Amino acid sequence: MKRLTLDLNIPADQYQILYGGTVRDVQALSREGLRVRFPGRILQKFLDHKGISGTFVIEFDDSHKFRAITKIV
């Protein structure tokens, strides 16, 4: 399984746009230097009153299909 590490800081009002369906995907630059796009809904379990903040590892298979996300910091 492949992994990418992302540092994210999405304020609550910006995440609400994702949750509301206006925008569906998050785009970010990984620590490995790769631009990655993924569904914003996978971040919902990490949402608090301030939004989403921290370092995350996204795991995906050889077909680039999402498998798991973990908050590490």
C-alpha atoms as a PDB file:
ATOM      1  CA  MET A   1       0.000   0.000   0.000  1.00  0.00           C
ATOM      2  CA  LYS A   2       1.266   3.468  -0.884  1.00  0.00           C
ATOM      3  CA  ARG A   3       1.194   6.410   1.514  1.00  0.00           C
ATOM      4  CA  LEU A   4       1.333  10.179   1.294  1.00  0.00           C
ATOM      5  CA  THR A   5       1.798  12.574   4.209  1.00  0.00           C
ATOM      6  CA  LEU A   6      -0.188  15.820   4.195  1.00  0.00           C
ATOM      7  CA  ASP A   7      -0.178  18.866   6.431  1.00  0.00           C
ATOM      8  CA  LEU A   8      -3.692  20.312   6.385  1.00  0.00           C
ATOM      9  CA  ASN A   9      -5.281  23.409   7.843  1.00  0.00           C
ATOM     10  CA  ILE A  10      -8.876  23.858   6.668  1.00  0.00           C
ATOM     11  CA  PRO A  11     -10.944  26.388   8.649  1.00  0.00           C
ATOM     12  CA  ALA A  12     -14.464  25.269   9.598  1.00  0.00           C
ATOM     13  CA  ASP A  13     -16.156  27.697   7.184  1.00  0.00           C
ATOM     14  CA  GLN A  14     -14.118  26.358   4.266  1.00  0.00           C
ATOM     15  CA  TYR A  15     -14.853  22.759   5.224  1.00  0.00           C
ATOM     16  CA  GLN A  16     -18.558  23.601   5.319  1.00  0.00           C
ATOM     17  CA  ILE A  17     -18.320  24.340   1.577  1.00  0.00           C
ATOM     18  CA  LEU A  18     -16.978  20.797   1.087  1.00  0.00           C
ATOM     19  CA  TYR A  19     -19.623  19.259   3.326  1.00  0.00           C
ATOM     20  CA  GLY A  20     -22.387  21.218   1.651  1.00  0.00           C
ATOM     21  CA  GLY A  21     -21.508  19.745  -1.716  1.00  0.00           C
ATOM     22  CA  THR A  22     -20.484  22.937  -3.515  1.00  0.00           C
ATOM     23  CA  VAL A  23     -16.935  21.637  -3.759  1.00  0.00           C
ATOM     24  CA  ARG A  24     -16.280  17.921  -3.360  1.00  0.00           C
ATOM     25  CA  ASP A  25     -12.511  17.471  -3.507  1.00  0.00           C
ATOM     26  CA  VAL A  26      -9.543  18.711  -1.505  1.00  0.00           C
ATOM     27  CA  GLN A  27      -6.292  19.384  -3.320  1.00  0.00           C
ATOM     28  CA  ALA A  28      -3.045  19.512  -1.389  1.00  0.00           C
ATOM     29  CA  LEU A  29       0.688  19.173  -1.814  1.00  0.00           C
ATOM     30  CA  SER A  30       2.123  16.193   0.044  1.00  0.00           C
ATOM     31  CA  ARG A  31       5.395  16.254   1.955  1.00  0.00           C
ATOM     32  CA  GLU A  32       6.689  13.958  -0.769  1.00  0.00           C
ATOM     33  CA  GLY A  33       6.155  16.764  -3.283  1.00  0.00           C
ATOM     34  CA  LEU A  34       3.127  15.254  -5.037  1.00  0.00           C
ATOM     35  CA  ARG A  35      -0.109  17.100  -5.655  1.00  0.00           C
ATOM     36  CA  VAL A  36      -2.998  14.963  -4.456  1.00  0.00           C
ATOM     37  CA  ARG A  37      -6.765  15.314  -4.858  1.00  0.00           C
ATOM     38  CA  PHE A  38      -9.194  13.380  -2.680  1.00  0.00           C
ATOM     39  CA  PRO A  39     -12.834  13.529  -1.537  1.00  0.00           C
ATOM     40  CA  GLY A  40     -13.330  15.994   1.297  1.00  0.00           C
ATOM     41  CA  ARG A  41     -15.769  13.615   2.995  1.00  0.00           C
ATOM     42  CA  ILE A  42     -12.867  11.408   4.163  1.00  0.00           C
ATOM     43  CA  LEU A  43     -11.844  14.209   6.544  1.00  0.00           C
ATOM     44  CA  GLN A  44     -15.220  14.518   8.275  1.00  0.00           C
ATOM     45  CA  LYS A  45     -14.257  12.402  11.299  1.00  0.00           C
ATOM     46  CA  PHE A  46     -11.413  14.847  12.065  1.00  0.00           C
ATOM     47  CA  LEU A  47     -13.624  17.966  12.030  1.00  0.00           C
ATOM     48  CA  ASP A  48     -13.896  20.038  15.191  1.00  0.00           C
ATOM     49  CA  HIS A  49     -15.238  23.552  15.869  1.00  0.00           C
ATOM     50  CA  LYS A  50     -12.076  25.132  14.383  1.00  0.00           C
ATOM     51  CA  GLY A  51     -12.062  22.993  11.239  1.00  0.00           C
ATOM     52  CA  ILE A  52      -9.478  20.388  10.268  1.00  0.00           C
ATOM     53  CA  SER A  53      -5.855  20.794  11.223  1.00  0.00           C
ATOM     54  CA  GLY A  54      -2.920  18.446  11.522  1.00  0.00           C
ATOM     55  CA  THR A  55      -0.678  15.992   9.737  1.00  0.00           C
ATOM     56  CA  PHE A  56      -2.379  13.086   8.009  1.00  0.00           C
ATOM     57  CA  VAL A  57      -1.262   9.942   6.207  1.00  0.00           C
ATOM     58  CA  ILE A  58      -3.435   8.830   3.307  1.00  0.00           C
ATOM     59  CA  GLU A  59      -3.081   5.229   2.170  1.00  0.00           C
ATOM     60  CA  PHE A  60      -4.114   4.056  -1.280  1.00  0.00           C
ATOM     61  CA  ASP A  61      -3.732   0.963  -3.418  1.00  0.00           C
ATOM     62  CA  ASP A  62      -1.810   0.451  -6.661  1.00  0.00           C
ATOM     63  CA  SER A  63      -4.855   1.677  -8.612  1.00  0.00           C
ATOM     64  CA  HIS A  64      -4.723   4.942  -6.600  1.00  0.00           C
ATOM     65  CA  LYS A  65      -7.955   4.067  -4.808  1.00  0.00           C
ATOM     66  CA  PHE A  66      -8.340   5.474  -1.310  1.00  0.00           C
ATOM     67  CA  ARG A  67      -7.955   2.917   1.483  1.00  0.00           C
ATOM     68  CA  ALA A  68      -7.442   4.805   4.769  1.00  0.00           C
ATOM     69  CA  ILE A  69      -6.567   8.106   6.388  1.00  0.00           C
ATOM     70  CA  THR A  70      -4.874   8.530   9.765  1.00  0.00           C
ATOM     71  CA  LYS A  71      -4.128  11.669  11.746  1.00  0.00           C
ATOM     72  CA  ILE A  72      -0.584  11.437  13.063  1.00  0.00           C
ATOM     73  CA  VAL A  73      -0.182  14.894  14.629  1.00  0.00           C
END
